[in-house]
Amino acid sequence: MSRIMVKAALAIATIMLSQQALAYSLKEYYAHQAPVIRSGAATSNKPSPAQGYKTSDPQFLQCFQDVGKRYNVNANLLIAHAIKESHLDPSAINRQPNGEAVGLMQIHSQWFQRLERDYHITRRMLLAEPCLNVSVGAWIIANNFSSRGVSWDTVGAYFGGYADSKADERLWYYGGKGGVREIYRRLQQGEDPMLVAGRR
């Protein structure tokens, strides 16, 4: 196993929350997992969901299933976010006046300091490990659902935040043509995610 894969496996173990958890607190989960990680028990023979997935591989979309189960977020909703954000391009980088967003789920640079400080997840890892990127995106979505409730407006907050002034951006993100809601419904009807993303 390569060093980056081991590092990604350890990093993802610090942020994947139990499905039974009522609150999505990375700090509490990290504190619980830290002794396991230090002992090396977190690296088993069973592949971590953070490892081994490339968009060219048939099992690539299994990452979304694995992560969705861990965070109790519908896998098709995660895929819909990734299609909306990056057209399923794990190397996507979107530079903006207020920072940048990277990878499948377009993790914004506002998260970088916290992710690296508390969970040893770097920008490079978010680009090198697509499933790690999906896991961080799912963590953000799960936190939003936990704090604001499950709604399409909360889905829109992944892009636009919660400020009243951002209501139009939230609506565009989930409800506009090509929005997350439309993509999600197409996926639920059985359409090929790669076709929906325009990658085939």
N, C-alpha and C. Protein backbone atom coordinates (compact mmCIF):
# COMPACT_ATOMS: atom_id res chain seq x y z
N MET A 1 0.86 -1.20 0.00
CA MET A 1 0.00 0.00 0.00
C MET A 1 0.89 1.24 0.00
N SER A 2 0.64 2.20 -0.86
CA SER A 2 1.47 3.38 -0.95
C SER A 2 1.30 4.27 0.27
N ARG A 3 2.29 5.14 0.48
CA ARG A 3 2.24 6.03 1.63
C ARG A 3 1.03 6.94 1.60
N ILE A 4 0.70 7.47 0.39
CA ILE A 4 -0.45 8.38 0.32
C ILE A 4 -1.76 7.64 0.59
N MET A 5 -1.83 6.36 0.18
CA MET A 5 -3.04 5.59 0.46
C MET A 5 -3.18 5.31 1.95
N VAL A 6 -2.05 5.00 2.61
CA VAL A 6 -2.10 4.78 4.06
C VAL A 6 -2.51 6.07 4.76
N LYS A 7 -1.91 7.18 4.34
CA LYS A 7 -2.23 8.47 4.95
C LYS A 7 -3.70 8.82 4.74
N ALA A 8 -4.21 8.56 3.53
CA ALA A 8 -5.61 8.84 3.26
C ALA A 8 -6.52 7.93 4.07
N ALA A 9 -6.11 6.66 4.24
CA ALA A 9 -6.93 5.73 5.02
C ALA A 9 -7.02 6.19 6.47
N LEU A 10 -5.90 6.64 7.02
CA LEU A 10 -5.91 7.13 8.40
C LEU A 10 -6.74 8.40 8.51
N ALA A 11 -6.61 9.28 7.52
CA ALA A 11 -7.35 10.54 7.56
C ALA A 11 -8.85 10.29 7.48
N ILE A 12 -9.24 9.38 6.60
CA ILE A 12 -10.68 9.16 6.44
C ILE A 12 -11.26 8.51 7.68
N ALA A 13 -10.45 7.72 8.38
CA ALA A 13 -10.95 7.09 9.60
C ALA A 13 -11.27 8.11 10.67
N THR A 14 -10.60 9.27 10.61
CA THR A 14 -10.86 10.30 11.61
C THR A 14 -12.15 11.05 11.37
N ILE A 15 -12.73 10.96 10.17
CA ILE A 15 -13.91 11.77 9.91
C ILE A 15 -15.17 10.98 9.60
N MET A 16 -15.06 9.66 9.40
CA MET A 16 -16.27 8.90 9.07
C MET A 16 -17.07 8.64 10.33
N LEU A 17 -18.29 9.10 10.37
CA LEU A 17 -19.13 9.03 11.54
C LEU A 17 -20.01 7.80 11.51
N SER A 18 -20.31 7.28 12.70
CA SER A 18 -21.23 6.16 12.82
C SER A 18 -22.61 6.57 12.34
N GLN A 19 -23.31 5.63 11.69
CA GLN A 19 -24.67 5.91 11.26
C GLN A 19 -25.58 6.15 12.45
N GLN A 20 -25.21 5.61 13.61
CA GLN A 20 -26.04 5.77 14.79
C GLN A 20 -25.83 7.12 15.48
N ALA A 21 -24.80 7.86 15.09
CA ALA A 21 -24.51 9.13 15.76
C ALA A 21 -25.63 10.13 15.52
N LEU A 22 -26.00 10.85 16.57
CA LEU A 22 -27.05 11.85 16.44
C LEU A 22 -26.47 13.20 16.05
N ALA A 23 -25.23 13.45 16.42
CA ALA A 23 -24.58 14.71 16.09
C ALA A 23 -23.36 14.41 15.24
N TYR A 24 -23.11 15.27 14.27
CA TYR A 24 -21.99 15.05 13.35
C TYR A 24 -20.82 15.93 13.77
N SER A 25 -20.15 15.53 14.85
CA SER A 25 -19.05 16.32 15.37
C SER A 25 -17.74 15.63 15.04
N LEU A 26 -16.97 16.21 14.17
CA LEU A 26 -15.68 15.63 13.82
C LEU A 26 -14.75 15.60 15.02
N LYS A 27 -14.80 16.63 15.84
CA LYS A 27 -13.89 16.70 16.98
C LYS A 27 -14.15 15.54 17.94
N GLU A 28 -15.41 15.28 18.27
CA GLU A 28 -15.74 14.17 19.17
C GLU A 28 -15.34 12.84 18.55
N TYR A 29 -15.60 12.69 17.27
CA TYR A 29 -15.27 11.44 16.60
C TYR A 29 -13.76 11.25 16.53
N TYR A 30 -13.04 12.31 16.25
CA TYR A 30 -11.59 12.22 16.18
C TYR A 30 -11.01 11.83 17.54
N ALA A 31 -11.56 12.42 18.62
CA ALA A 31 -11.09 12.08 19.96
C ALA A 31 -11.32 10.60 20.26
N HIS A 32 -12.44 10.08 19.79
CA HIS A 32 -12.77 8.67 20.00
C HIS A 32 -11.85 7.76 19.19
N GLN A 33 -11.50 8.18 17.98
CA GLN A 33 -10.72 7.34 17.08
C GLN A 33 -9.21 7.48 17.30
N ALA A 34 -8.77 8.56 17.92
CA ALA A 34 -7.34 8.84 18.01
C ALA A 34 -6.52 7.67 18.57
N PRO A 35 -6.93 7.03 19.69
CA PRO A 35 -6.14 5.90 20.19
C PRO A 35 -6.04 4.76 19.19
N VAL A 36 -7.11 4.51 18.45
CA VAL A 36 -7.11 3.45 17.44
C VAL A 36 -6.13 3.79 16.33
N ILE A 37 -6.15 5.06 15.91
CA ILE A 37 -5.27 5.49 14.83
C ILE A 37 -3.81 5.42 15.26
N ARG A 38 -3.53 5.86 16.50
CA ARG A 38 -2.15 5.84 16.98
C ARG A 38 -1.62 4.41 17.08
N SER A 39 -2.50 3.46 17.44
CA SER A 39 -2.07 2.07 17.59
C SER A 39 -1.87 1.37 16.26
N GLY A 40 -2.37 1.99 15.18
CA GLY A 40 -2.27 1.37 13.87
C GLY A 40 -3.41 0.45 13.55
N ALA A 41 -4.37 0.30 14.47
CA ALA A 41 -5.48 -0.62 14.25
C ALA A 41 -6.41 -0.15 13.15
N ALA A 42 -6.31 1.12 12.79
CA ALA A 42 -7.21 1.65 11.76
C ALA A 42 -6.85 1.12 10.38
N THR A 43 -5.63 0.60 10.22
CA THR A 43 -5.23 0.08 8.92
C THR A 43 -5.40 -1.43 8.93
N SER A 44 -6.49 -1.91 8.38
CA SER A 44 -6.76 -3.34 8.31
C SER A 44 -6.59 -3.80 6.88
N ASN A 45 -6.78 -5.09 6.67
CA ASN A 45 -6.68 -5.62 5.31
C ASN A 45 -7.87 -5.21 4.46
N LYS A 46 -8.97 -4.83 5.10
CA LYS A 46 -10.14 -4.40 4.36
C LYS A 46 -9.90 -3.00 3.80
N PRO A 47 -10.02 -2.80 2.50
CA PRO A 47 -9.74 -1.48 1.92
C PRO A 47 -10.64 -0.40 2.50
N SER A 48 -10.04 0.74 2.78
CA SER A 48 -10.84 1.89 3.19
C SER A 48 -11.61 2.41 1.99
N PRO A 49 -12.82 2.97 2.22
CA PRO A 49 -13.53 3.61 1.10
C PRO A 49 -12.74 4.75 0.46
N ALA A 50 -11.70 5.23 1.14
CA ALA A 50 -10.91 6.32 0.58
C ALA A 50 -9.91 5.82 -0.46
N GLN A 51 -9.78 4.51 -0.59
CA GLN A 51 -8.72 3.98 -1.43
C GLN A 51 -9.24 3.43 -2.75
N GLY A 52 -8.42 3.56 -3.77
CA GLY A 52 -8.56 2.73 -4.94
C GLY A 52 -9.63 3.07 -5.95
N TYR A 53 -10.31 4.18 -5.78
CA TYR A 53 -11.39 4.49 -6.72
C TYR A 53 -10.92 5.51 -7.74
N LYS A 54 -11.03 5.17 -9.01
CA LYS A 54 -10.75 6.08 -10.10
C LYS A 54 -12.00 6.18 -10.97
N THR A 55 -12.22 7.35 -11.55
CA THR A 55 -13.45 7.54 -12.32
C THR A 55 -13.53 6.60 -13.52
N SER A 56 -12.39 6.06 -13.96
CA SER A 56 -12.41 5.14 -15.09
C SER A 56 -12.77 3.71 -14.68
N ASP A 57 -12.80 3.43 -13.39
CA ASP A 57 -13.08 2.08 -12.90
C ASP A 57 -14.57 1.89 -12.67
N PRO A 58 -15.08 0.69 -12.94
CA PRO A 58 -16.51 0.43 -12.72
C PRO A 58 -16.92 0.63 -11.27
N GLN A 59 -16.00 0.35 -10.32
CA GLN A 59 -16.35 0.46 -8.91
C GLN A 59 -16.26 1.88 -8.38
N PHE A 60 -15.93 2.84 -9.25
CA PHE A 60 -15.79 4.22 -8.78
C PHE A 60 -17.03 4.70 -8.04
N LEU A 61 -18.20 4.45 -8.62
CA LEU A 61 -19.44 4.95 -8.01
C LEU A 61 -19.76 4.24 -6.70
N GLN A 62 -19.10 3.10 -6.43
CA GLN A 62 -19.31 2.42 -5.16
C GLN A 62 -18.85 3.29 -4.00
N CYS A 63 -17.89 4.16 -4.25
CA CYS A 63 -17.46 5.10 -3.21
C CYS A 63 -18.64 5.87 -2.64
N PHE A 64 -19.51 6.36 -3.50
CA PHE A 64 -20.65 7.14 -3.04
C PHE A 64 -21.59 6.29 -2.20
N GLN A 65 -21.73 5.01 -2.56
CA GLN A 65 -22.56 4.10 -1.78
C GLN A 65 -21.96 3.90 -0.39
N ASP A 66 -20.66 3.66 -0.33
CA ASP A 66 -19.99 3.42 0.94
C ASP A 66 -20.07 4.64 1.85
N VAL A 67 -19.75 5.79 1.29
CA VAL A 67 -19.76 7.02 2.09
C VAL A 67 -21.19 7.38 2.49
N GLY A 68 -22.13 7.22 1.57
CA GLY A 68 -23.52 7.53 1.89
C GLY A 68 -24.04 6.73 3.06
N LYS A 69 -23.67 5.44 3.13
CA LYS A 69 -24.10 4.60 4.25
C LYS A 69 -23.49 5.09 5.55
N ARG A 70 -22.23 5.47 5.51
CA ARG A 70 -21.55 5.90 6.73
C ARG A 70 -22.13 7.20 7.27
N TYR A 71 -22.55 8.08 6.39
CA TYR A 71 -23.08 9.37 6.83
C TYR A 71 -24.59 9.45 6.80
N ASN A 72 -25.24 8.35 6.40
CA ASN A 72 -26.70 8.33 6.30
C ASN A 72 -27.21 9.42 5.37
N VAL A 73 -26.51 9.58 4.24
CA VAL A 73 -26.91 10.52 3.19
C VAL A 73 -27.11 9.70 1.91
N ASN A 74 -28.22 9.91 1.24
CA ASN A 74 -28.53 9.15 0.03
C ASN A 74 -27.38 9.24 -0.98
N ALA A 75 -26.94 8.08 -1.47
CA ALA A 75 -25.80 8.06 -2.39
C ALA A 75 -26.07 8.86 -3.66
N ASN A 76 -27.29 8.78 -4.17
CA ASN A 76 -27.61 9.54 -5.38
C ASN A 76 -27.58 11.04 -5.13
N LEU A 77 -27.88 11.45 -3.90
CA LEU A 77 -27.77 12.87 -3.58
C LEU A 77 -26.31 13.30 -3.59
N LEU A 78 -25.42 12.45 -3.07
CA LEU A 78 -24.00 12.76 -3.12
C LEU A 78 -23.50 12.83 -4.56
N ILE A 79 -23.93 11.88 -5.38
CA ILE A 79 -23.53 11.90 -6.79
C ILE A 79 -24.06 13.16 -7.47
N ALA A 80 -25.31 13.53 -7.15
CA ALA A 80 -25.90 14.73 -7.74
C ALA A 80 -25.09 15.97 -7.39
N HIS A 81 -24.64 16.06 -6.14
CA HIS A 81 -23.77 17.17 -5.74
C HIS A 81 -22.49 17.16 -6.57
N ALA A 82 -21.87 15.98 -6.71
CA ALA A 82 -20.61 15.89 -7.44
C ALA A 82 -20.78 16.23 -8.92
N ILE A 83 -21.91 15.85 -9.49
CA ILE A 83 -22.18 16.22 -10.89
C ILE A 83 -22.36 17.72 -11.01
N LYS A 84 -23.13 18.30 -10.10
CA LYS A 84 -23.36 19.74 -10.13
C LYS A 84 -22.07 20.51 -9.91
N GLU A 85 -21.25 20.03 -8.99
CA GLU A 85 -20.04 20.76 -8.61
C GLU A 85 -18.92 20.60 -9.64
N SER A 86 -18.70 19.38 -10.13
CA SER A 86 -17.48 19.13 -10.91
C SER A 86 -17.70 18.29 -12.16
N HIS A 87 -18.94 17.93 -12.48
CA HIS A 87 -19.20 16.99 -13.58
C HIS A 87 -18.41 15.69 -13.39
N LEU A 88 -18.28 15.28 -12.11
CA LEU A 88 -17.56 14.05 -11.75
C LEU A 88 -16.10 14.09 -12.17
N ASP A 89 -15.49 15.26 -12.10
CA ASP A 89 -14.07 15.42 -12.43
C ASP A 89 -13.29 15.57 -11.13
N PRO A 90 -12.55 14.53 -10.70
CA PRO A 90 -11.84 14.60 -9.42
C PRO A 90 -10.70 15.61 -9.41
N SER A 91 -10.26 16.05 -10.58
CA SER A 91 -9.15 17.02 -10.64
C SER A 91 -9.64 18.46 -10.82
N ALA A 92 -10.94 18.67 -10.75
CA ALA A 92 -11.50 20.01 -10.97
C ALA A 92 -11.00 21.00 -9.92
N ILE A 93 -10.58 22.16 -10.38
CA ILE A 93 -10.17 23.26 -9.50
C ILE A 93 -10.87 24.52 -9.99
N ASN A 94 -11.58 25.17 -9.11
CA ASN A 94 -12.30 26.40 -9.46
C ASN A 94 -11.76 27.53 -8.59
N ARG A 95 -10.96 28.39 -9.20
CA ARG A 95 -10.39 29.52 -8.46
C ARG A 95 -11.37 30.68 -8.47
N GLN A 96 -11.56 31.27 -7.29
CA GLN A 96 -12.55 32.32 -7.08
C GLN A 96 -11.89 33.50 -6.38
N PRO A 97 -12.54 34.67 -6.38
CA PRO A 97 -11.96 35.81 -5.68
C PRO A 97 -11.75 35.56 -4.19
N ASN A 98 -12.62 34.72 -3.59
CA ASN A 98 -12.52 34.47 -2.15
C ASN A 98 -11.88 33.13 -1.82
N GLY A 99 -11.13 32.56 -2.78
CA GLY A 99 -10.46 31.30 -2.51
C GLY A 99 -10.56 30.37 -3.70
N GLU A 100 -10.63 29.08 -3.43
CA GLU A 100 -10.75 28.09 -4.49
C GLU A 100 -11.55 26.91 -3.98
N ALA A 101 -12.04 26.09 -4.91
CA ALA A 101 -12.75 24.87 -4.57
C ALA A 101 -12.13 23.74 -5.38
N VAL A 102 -11.97 22.56 -4.75
CA VAL A 102 -11.21 21.50 -5.40
C VAL A 102 -11.94 20.16 -5.35
N GLY A 103 -11.71 19.37 -6.39
CA GLY A 103 -12.13 17.98 -6.41
C GLY A 103 -13.57 17.73 -6.76
N LEU A 104 -13.98 16.47 -6.63
CA LEU A 104 -15.32 16.03 -7.00
C LEU A 104 -16.41 16.86 -6.36
N MET A 105 -16.28 17.12 -5.06
CA MET A 105 -17.31 17.84 -4.32
C MET A 105 -16.97 19.32 -4.17
N GLN A 106 -15.90 19.75 -4.84
CA GLN A 106 -15.49 21.16 -4.82
C GLN A 106 -15.42 21.69 -3.38
N ILE A 107 -14.57 21.05 -2.58
CA ILE A 107 -14.37 21.48 -1.20
C ILE A 107 -13.70 22.84 -1.22
N HIS A 108 -14.33 23.81 -0.57
CA HIS A 108 -13.84 25.19 -0.62
C HIS A 108 -12.65 25.38 0.32
N SER A 109 -11.77 26.28 -0.07
CA SER A 109 -10.56 26.53 0.71
C SER A 109 -10.85 27.06 2.11
N GLN A 110 -12.06 27.52 2.38
CA GLN A 110 -12.41 27.95 3.73
C GLN A 110 -12.32 26.78 4.72
N TRP A 111 -12.38 25.55 4.21
CA TRP A 111 -12.29 24.37 5.07
C TRP A 111 -10.86 23.88 5.24
N PHE A 112 -9.92 24.33 4.42
CA PHE A 112 -8.60 23.72 4.37
C PHE A 112 -7.88 23.77 5.72
N GLN A 113 -7.89 24.93 6.35
CA GLN A 113 -7.14 25.08 7.60
C GLN A 113 -7.67 24.12 8.67
N ARG A 114 -8.98 24.07 8.80
CA ARG A 114 -9.58 23.19 9.82
C ARG A 114 -9.31 21.73 9.50
N LEU A 115 -9.46 21.34 8.24
CA LEU A 115 -9.25 19.95 7.87
C LEU A 115 -7.81 19.52 8.12
N GLU A 116 -6.86 20.39 7.81
CA GLU A 116 -5.46 20.02 8.02
C GLU A 116 -5.09 20.06 9.49
N ARG A 117 -5.57 21.08 10.21
CA ARG A 117 -5.22 21.23 11.62
C ARG A 117 -5.79 20.09 12.47
N ASP A 118 -7.07 19.80 12.28
CA ASP A 118 -7.76 18.86 13.16
C ASP A 118 -7.74 17.42 12.66
N TYR A 119 -7.65 17.23 11.33
CA TYR A 119 -7.83 15.89 10.78
C TYR A 119 -6.73 15.47 9.81
N HIS A 120 -5.70 16.33 9.67
CA HIS A 120 -4.53 15.98 8.85
C HIS A 120 -4.91 15.69 7.40
N ILE A 121 -5.92 16.36 6.93
CA ILE A 121 -6.35 16.23 5.53
C ILE A 121 -5.90 17.48 4.79
N THR A 122 -5.07 17.31 3.78
CA THR A 122 -4.50 18.43 3.06
C THR A 122 -5.22 18.65 1.73
N ARG A 123 -4.98 19.81 1.16
CA ARG A 123 -5.52 20.12 -0.17
C ARG A 123 -5.07 19.07 -1.17
N ARG A 124 -3.80 18.70 -1.11
CA ARG A 124 -3.27 17.71 -2.05
C ARG A 124 -4.03 16.39 -1.93
N MET A 125 -4.33 15.98 -0.71
CA MET A 125 -5.07 14.73 -0.50
C MET A 125 -6.49 14.83 -1.06
N LEU A 126 -7.11 15.99 -0.94
CA LEU A 126 -8.47 16.16 -1.47
C LEU A 126 -8.50 16.00 -2.98
N LEU A 127 -7.39 16.32 -3.64
CA LEU A 127 -7.30 16.15 -5.09
C LEU A 127 -6.80 14.76 -5.48
N ALA A 128 -5.94 14.19 -4.65
CA ALA A 128 -5.34 12.89 -4.99
C ALA A 128 -6.26 11.72 -4.69
N GLU A 129 -7.14 11.87 -3.69
CA GLU A 129 -8.02 10.77 -3.27
C GLU A 129 -9.48 11.18 -3.48
N PRO A 130 -10.07 10.83 -4.62
CA PRO A 130 -11.45 11.26 -4.90
C PRO A 130 -12.45 10.87 -3.82
N CYS A 131 -12.31 9.67 -3.24
CA CYS A 131 -13.30 9.25 -2.26
C CYS A 131 -13.13 9.99 -0.94
N LEU A 132 -11.93 10.41 -0.63
CA LEU A 132 -11.73 11.26 0.54
C LEU A 132 -12.45 12.58 0.33
N ASN A 133 -12.36 13.13 -0.87
CA ASN A 133 -13.07 14.37 -1.20
C ASN A 133 -14.58 14.19 -1.03
N VAL A 134 -15.11 13.05 -1.51
CA VAL A 134 -16.54 12.77 -1.35
C VAL A 134 -16.90 12.67 0.12
N SER A 135 -16.03 12.05 0.92
CA SER A 135 -16.31 11.90 2.35
C SER A 135 -16.39 13.24 3.06
N VAL A 136 -15.49 14.15 2.71
CA VAL A 136 -15.54 15.48 3.32
C VAL A 136 -16.81 16.21 2.89
N GLY A 137 -17.16 16.10 1.61
CA GLY A 137 -18.41 16.70 1.16
C GLY A 137 -19.61 16.14 1.88
N ALA A 138 -19.62 14.81 2.08
CA ALA A 138 -20.73 14.17 2.79
C ALA A 138 -20.79 14.62 4.24
N TRP A 139 -19.63 14.81 4.86
CA TRP A 139 -19.58 15.31 6.24
C TRP A 139 -20.21 16.70 6.33
N ILE A 140 -19.89 17.57 5.37
CA ILE A 140 -20.48 18.91 5.35
C ILE A 140 -22.00 18.81 5.18
N ILE A 141 -22.45 18.00 4.25
CA ILE A 141 -23.89 17.85 4.01
C ILE A 141 -24.59 17.29 5.24
N ALA A 142 -23.99 16.27 5.87
CA ALA A 142 -24.59 15.67 7.05
C ALA A 142 -24.69 16.66 8.20
N ASN A 143 -23.65 17.49 8.36
CA ASN A 143 -23.71 18.54 9.38
C ASN A 143 -24.83 19.53 9.09
N ASN A 144 -24.97 19.90 7.83
CA ASN A 144 -26.04 20.82 7.45
C ASN A 144 -27.41 20.23 7.76
N PHE A 145 -27.60 18.96 7.40
CA PHE A 145 -28.88 18.31 7.69
C PHE A 145 -29.13 18.22 9.19
N SER A 146 -28.06 17.93 9.95
CA SER A 146 -28.21 17.80 11.40
C SER A 146 -28.60 19.12 12.05
N SER A 147 -28.02 20.21 11.57
CA SER A 147 -28.26 21.51 12.21
C SER A 147 -29.47 22.24 11.66
N ARG A 148 -29.81 22.00 10.38
CA ARG A 148 -30.87 22.78 9.73
C ARG A 148 -32.07 21.96 9.27
N GLY A 149 -31.96 20.64 9.38
CA GLY A 149 -33.03 19.78 8.90
C GLY A 149 -32.82 19.39 7.45
N VAL A 150 -33.48 18.31 7.05
CA VAL A 150 -33.34 17.81 5.69
C VAL A 150 -34.35 18.51 4.80
N SER A 151 -33.87 19.34 3.90
CA SER A 151 -34.74 20.07 2.97
C SER A 151 -33.91 20.44 1.75
N TRP A 152 -34.60 20.83 0.67
CA TRP A 152 -33.87 21.27 -0.51
C TRP A 152 -33.15 22.58 -0.25
N ASP A 153 -33.70 23.43 0.61
CA ASP A 153 -33.01 24.67 0.96
C ASP A 153 -31.68 24.36 1.65
N THR A 154 -31.68 23.34 2.50
CA THR A 154 -30.44 22.93 3.15
C THR A 154 -29.45 22.38 2.13
N VAL A 155 -29.95 21.63 1.17
CA VAL A 155 -29.09 21.17 0.08
C VAL A 155 -28.44 22.36 -0.62
N GLY A 156 -29.22 23.40 -0.88
CA GLY A 156 -28.70 24.59 -1.53
C GLY A 156 -27.65 25.31 -0.72
N ALA A 157 -27.70 25.14 0.62
CA ALA A 157 -26.74 25.81 1.48
C ALA A 157 -25.33 25.28 1.29
N TYR A 158 -25.18 24.10 0.72
CA TYR A 158 -23.84 23.58 0.41
C TYR A 158 -23.10 24.55 -0.49
N PHE A 159 -23.84 25.21 -1.35
CA PHE A 159 -23.25 26.19 -2.27
C PHE A 159 -23.40 27.62 -1.76
N GLY A 160 -24.60 27.97 -1.28
CA GLY A 160 -24.88 29.36 -1.00
C GLY A 160 -24.83 29.80 0.44
N GLY A 161 -24.69 28.84 1.38
CA GLY A 161 -24.73 29.23 2.78
C GLY A 161 -26.15 29.54 3.22
N TYR A 162 -26.28 30.03 4.45
CA TYR A 162 -27.61 30.21 5.05
C TYR A 162 -28.09 31.65 5.11
N ALA A 163 -27.27 32.59 4.72
CA ALA A 163 -27.67 34.00 4.82
C ALA A 163 -28.91 34.27 3.97
N ASP A 164 -29.79 35.14 4.48
CA ASP A 164 -30.99 35.50 3.73
C ASP A 164 -30.62 36.05 2.35
N SER A 165 -29.51 36.76 2.29
CA SER A 165 -29.09 37.37 1.02
C SER A 165 -28.66 36.33 -0.02
N LYS A 166 -28.47 35.08 0.42
CA LYS A 166 -28.02 34.01 -0.48
C LYS A 166 -29.17 33.10 -0.91
N ALA A 167 -30.41 33.49 -0.61
CA ALA A 167 -31.56 32.62 -0.92
C ALA A 167 -31.63 32.30 -2.41
N ASP A 168 -31.36 33.28 -3.26
CA ASP A 168 -31.43 33.04 -4.71
C ASP A 168 -30.35 32.06 -5.16
N GLU A 169 -29.17 32.14 -4.54
CA GLU A 169 -28.10 31.22 -4.89
C GLU A 169 -28.45 29.80 -4.45
N ARG A 170 -29.05 29.66 -3.28
CA ARG A 170 -29.47 28.33 -2.83
C ARG A 170 -30.50 27.74 -3.78
N LEU A 171 -31.47 28.57 -4.18
CA LEU A 171 -32.52 28.11 -5.09
C LEU A 171 -31.93 27.71 -6.44
N TRP A 172 -31.00 28.52 -6.95
CA TRP A 172 -30.35 28.18 -8.22
C TRP A 172 -29.63 26.85 -8.12
N TYR A 173 -28.94 26.62 -7.01
CA TYR A 173 -28.12 25.42 -6.86
C TYR A 173 -28.95 24.15 -6.85
N TYR A 174 -30.07 24.18 -6.14
CA TYR A 174 -30.86 22.95 -6.07
C TYR A 174 -32.04 22.93 -7.03
N GLY A 175 -32.61 24.11 -7.33
CA GLY A 175 -33.88 24.11 -8.04
C GLY A 175 -33.85 24.57 -9.48
N GLY A 176 -32.76 25.19 -9.88
CA GLY A 176 -32.68 25.69 -11.25
C GLY A 176 -32.49 24.56 -12.25
N LYS A 177 -32.52 24.92 -13.54
CA LYS A 177 -32.28 23.92 -14.59
C LYS A 177 -30.88 23.35 -14.41
N GLY A 178 -30.80 22.04 -14.34
CA GLY A 178 -29.52 21.41 -14.09
C GLY A 178 -29.12 21.46 -12.63
N GLY A 179 -30.06 21.79 -11.75
CA GLY A 179 -29.78 21.86 -10.33
C GLY A 179 -29.72 20.48 -9.69
N VAL A 180 -29.32 20.44 -8.44
CA VAL A 180 -29.14 19.18 -7.73
C VAL A 180 -30.43 18.37 -7.69
N ARG A 181 -31.56 19.03 -7.49
CA ARG A 181 -32.83 18.30 -7.41
C ARG A 181 -33.14 17.59 -8.72
N GLU A 182 -32.96 18.28 -9.84
CA GLU A 182 -33.21 17.67 -11.15
C GLU A 182 -32.25 16.50 -11.40
N ILE A 183 -30.98 16.71 -11.09
CA ILE A 183 -29.99 15.65 -11.27
C ILE A 183 -30.34 14.44 -10.40
N TYR A 184 -30.70 14.71 -9.15
CA TYR A 184 -31.05 13.65 -8.22
C TYR A 184 -32.23 12.83 -8.73
N ARG A 185 -33.25 13.49 -9.24
CA ARG A 185 -34.42 12.78 -9.75
C ARG A 185 -34.05 11.91 -10.95
N ARG A 186 -33.18 12.40 -11.80
CA ARG A 186 -32.74 11.60 -12.95
C ARG A 186 -31.98 10.36 -12.49
N LEU A 187 -31.15 10.53 -11.49
CA LEU A 187 -30.41 9.38 -10.95
C LEU A 187 -31.36 8.38 -10.30
N GLN A 188 -32.34 8.89 -9.58
CA GLN A 188 -33.32 8.02 -8.92
C GLN A 188 -34.13 7.22 -9.94
N GLN A 189 -34.27 7.78 -11.13
CA GLN A 189 -34.99 7.09 -12.20
C GLN A 189 -34.11 6.09 -12.95
N GLY A 190 -32.85 6.00 -12.54
CA GLY A 190 -31.97 4.98 -13.10
C GLY A 190 -31.05 5.43 -14.20
N GLU A 191 -30.95 6.74 -14.46
CA GLU A 191 -30.04 7.20 -15.51
C GLU A 191 -28.58 6.99 -15.09
N ASP A 192 -27.74 6.78 -16.07
CA ASP A 192 -26.32 6.56 -15.85
C ASP A 192 -25.67 7.86 -15.37
N PRO A 193 -25.05 7.85 -14.17
CA PRO A 193 -24.42 9.08 -13.66
C PRO A 193 -23.40 9.68 -14.62
N MET A 194 -22.64 8.82 -15.30
CA MET A 194 -21.63 9.33 -16.23
C MET A 194 -22.27 10.05 -17.41
N LEU A 195 -23.41 9.55 -17.86
CA LEU A 195 -24.13 10.23 -18.93
C LEU A 195 -24.71 11.54 -18.45
N VAL A 196 -25.29 11.53 -17.25
CA VAL A 196 -25.86 12.75 -16.69
C VAL A 196 -24.78 13.82 -16.55
N ALA A 197 -23.58 13.37 -16.16
CA ALA A 197 -22.46 14.30 -15.97
C ALA A 197 -21.82 14.73 -17.29
N GLY A 198 -22.23 14.11 -18.40
CA GLY A 198 -21.64 14.45 -19.69
C GLY A 198 -20.26 13.88 -19.90
N ARG A 199 -19.96 12.76 -19.22
CA ARG A 199 -18.63 12.17 -19.31
C ARG A 199 -18.62 10.92 -20.20
N ARG A 200 -19.75 10.63 -20.87
CA ARG A 200 -19.80 9.53 -21.84
C ARG A 200 -20.51 9.99 -23.09
